[in-house]
């Protein structure tokens, strides 16, 4: 009997494959991150387009940039929900929560403050870069699973 215990104790334990809801949520998580990154590239383009087409119409020039920013906040919330369901790890869930916080709260706050103080507008742009970096990190880590 001890020989049987020893034989089974040394056999490698393999994790069961993730299937069903968690697997679907993980695939959705990856696709949502990819969509978020593509939207981030479009967001940078729209910011540049808005800056170079101001001509006394600042509000209209940045309307597409603003609208896509709000859409990205919604995508970030979807990413967080999918991460909670898929459970890809604490780092991925934390990073997803940070994306929600930065896209939905910090970006709007910095943009509003940037209207009166240019330094906040600069921080708004840096925060956008940080958002893209976090989303890229999450996406590439998800691809290595």
Protein backbone atom coordinates (compact mmCIF):
# COMPACT_ATOMS: atom_id res chain seq x y z
CA UNK A 1 0.00 0.00 0.00
CA UNK A 2 2.85 2.40 0.72
CA UNK A 3 4.29 1.65 -2.72
CA UNK A 4 1.00 2.68 -4.34
CA UNK A 5 0.93 5.91 -2.38
CA UNK A 6 4.49 6.69 -3.39
CA UNK A 7 3.75 5.99 -7.05
CA UNK A 8 0.69 8.25 -7.12
CA UNK A 9 2.39 10.98 -5.12
CA UNK A 10 5.13 11.39 -7.73
CA UNK A 11 2.80 11.54 -10.73
CA UNK A 12 2.48 15.05 -12.11
CA UNK A 13 -0.78 16.80 -11.40
CA UNK A 14 -2.20 18.55 -14.43
CA UNK A 15 -4.77 21.29 -14.19
CA UNK A 16 -8.07 20.69 -15.90
CA UNK A 17 -8.58 22.84 -18.96
CA UNK A 18 -10.71 25.93 -18.48
CA UNK A 19 -13.96 25.40 -20.35
CA UNK A 20 -17.43 26.83 -20.51
CA UNK A 21 -18.24 30.26 -19.20
CA UNK A 22 -14.71 31.07 -17.98
CA UNK A 23 -13.20 30.13 -21.34
CA UNK A 24 -15.73 32.23 -23.23
CA UNK A 25 -15.18 35.14 -20.87
CA UNK A 26 -11.42 34.86 -21.35
CA UNK A 27 -11.79 34.96 -25.13
CA UNK A 28 -14.10 37.96 -24.78
CA UNK A 29 -11.53 39.57 -22.46
CA UNK A 30 -8.82 39.20 -25.10
CA UNK A 31 -11.02 40.54 -27.91
CA UNK A 32 -12.20 43.46 -25.77
CA UNK A 33 -8.58 44.33 -24.98
CA UNK A 34 -7.75 44.26 -28.69
CA UNK A 35 -10.75 46.48 -29.49
CA UNK A 36 -9.66 48.82 -26.68
CA UNK A 37 -6.16 49.09 -28.15
CA UNK A 38 -7.50 49.80 -31.63
CA UNK A 39 -9.81 52.44 -30.16
CA UNK A 40 -6.78 53.89 -28.36
CA UNK A 41 -4.96 54.30 -31.68
CA UNK A 42 -8.03 56.00 -33.14
CA UNK A 43 -8.22 58.18 -30.03
CA UNK A 44 -4.69 59.47 -30.59
CA UNK A 45 -5.56 60.25 -34.22
CA UNK A 46 -8.73 62.08 -33.19
CA UNK A 47 -6.83 64.15 -30.61
CA UNK A 48 -4.36 65.25 -33.26
CA UNK A 49 -7.16 65.94 -35.69
CA UNK A 50 -8.91 68.06 -33.07
CA UNK A 51 -5.79 70.07 -32.28
CA UNK A 52 -5.06 70.85 -35.92
CA UNK A 53 -8.63 71.75 -36.83
CA UNK A 54 -9.48 74.06 -33.94
CA UNK A 55 -10.21 77.31 -35.87
CA UNK A 56 -12.39 78.77 -33.09
CA UNK A 57 -14.46 75.58 -32.88
CA UNK A 58 -12.67 73.75 -30.07
CA UNK A 59 -15.81 72.04 -28.83
CA UNK A 60 -16.76 70.64 -32.24
CA UNK A 61 -13.14 69.76 -33.09
CA UNK A 62 -12.80 67.48 -30.04
CA UNK A 63 -16.33 66.01 -30.08
CA UNK A 64 -15.27 62.72 -31.79
CA UNK A 65 -12.30 62.39 -29.40
CA UNK A 66 -14.58 62.96 -26.41
CA UNK A 67 -17.21 60.49 -27.66
CA UNK A 68 -14.66 57.75 -28.28
CA UNK A 69 -13.18 58.40 -24.84
CA UNK A 70 -16.55 57.69 -23.23
CA UNK A 71 -16.92 54.56 -25.38
CA UNK A 72 -13.48 53.40 -24.25
CA UNK A 73 -14.58 53.83 -20.63
CA UNK A 74 -17.47 51.47 -21.42
CA UNK A 75 -15.11 48.97 -23.05
CA UNK A 76 -12.85 49.18 -19.98
CA UNK A 77 -15.84 48.31 -17.78
CA UNK A 78 -16.60 45.34 -20.05
CA UNK A 79 -12.95 44.24 -19.80
CA UNK A 80 -13.18 44.32 -16.00
CA UNK A 81 -16.42 42.32 -15.97
CA UNK A 82 -14.94 39.70 -18.31
CA UNK A 83 -11.75 39.53 -16.23
CA UNK A 84 -13.76 38.91 -13.06
CA UNK A 85 -15.64 36.07 -14.77
CA UNK A 86 -12.60 34.57 -16.54
CA UNK A 87 -10.33 34.90 -13.50
CA UNK A 88 -7.06 35.27 -15.47
CA UNK A 89 -5.21 36.25 -12.29
CA UNK A 90 -5.04 38.99 -9.69
CA UNK A 91 -2.72 41.14 -11.79
CA UNK A 92 -5.10 41.08 -14.77
CA UNK A 93 -8.14 41.89 -12.63
CA UNK A 94 -6.27 44.71 -10.86
CA UNK A 95 -5.02 46.10 -14.17
CA UNK A 96 -8.55 45.96 -15.57
CA UNK A 97 -9.86 47.86 -12.54
CA UNK A 98 -7.14 50.48 -13.00
CA UNK A 99 -8.21 50.85 -16.66
CA UNK A 100 -11.77 51.58 -15.54
CA UNK A 101 -10.58 54.14 -13.00
CA UNK A 102 -8.23 55.90 -15.43
CA UNK A 103 -10.63 55.97 -18.40
CA UNK A 104 -13.83 56.84 -16.60
CA UNK A 105 -12.65 59.17 -13.84
CA UNK A 106 -9.09 60.44 -14.23
CA UNK A 107 -9.27 61.26 -17.95
CA UNK A 108 -12.46 63.30 -17.55
CA UNK A 109 -11.09 65.08 -14.50
CA UNK A 110 -7.83 66.00 -16.22
CA UNK A 111 -9.61 67.11 -19.41
CA UNK A 112 -11.91 69.38 -17.41
CA UNK A 113 -9.03 70.86 -15.43
CA UNK A 114 -7.00 71.20 -18.62
CA UNK A 115 -9.41 73.82 -19.95
CA UNK A 116 -8.10 76.28 -17.33
CA UNK A 117 -4.56 75.00 -16.73
CA UNK A 118 -2.48 73.57 -19.59
CA UNK A 119 -0.44 71.33 -17.27
CA UNK A 120 -3.56 69.23 -16.64
CA UNK A 121 -4.06 68.92 -20.38
CA UNK A 122 -0.52 67.55 -20.59
CA UNK A 123 -1.29 65.11 -17.77
CA UNK A 124 -4.44 64.10 -19.68
CA UNK A 125 -2.22 63.09 -22.62
CA UNK A 126 0.25 61.24 -20.36
CA UNK A 127 -2.61 59.43 -18.66
CA UNK A 128 -3.83 58.36 -22.10
CA UNK A 129 -0.38 56.93 -22.80
CA UNK A 130 -0.45 55.10 -19.45
CA UNK A 131 -3.88 53.68 -20.32
CA UNK A 132 -2.60 52.33 -23.65
CA UNK A 133 0.46 50.83 -21.91
CA UNK A 134 -1.66 49.05 -19.29
CA UNK A 135 -4.05 47.70 -21.93
CA UNK A 136 -1.08 46.52 -24.04
CA UNK A 137 0.44 44.79 -21.04
CA UNK A 138 -2.84 43.05 -20.22
CA UNK A 139 -3.32 42.00 -23.84
CA UNK A 140 0.16 40.55 -24.30
CA UNK A 141 0.04 38.77 -20.93
CA UNK A 142 -3.31 37.23 -21.93
CA UNK A 143 -1.76 35.95 -25.16
CA UNK A 144 0.92 34.08 -23.23
CA UNK A 145 -1.55 31.96 -21.24
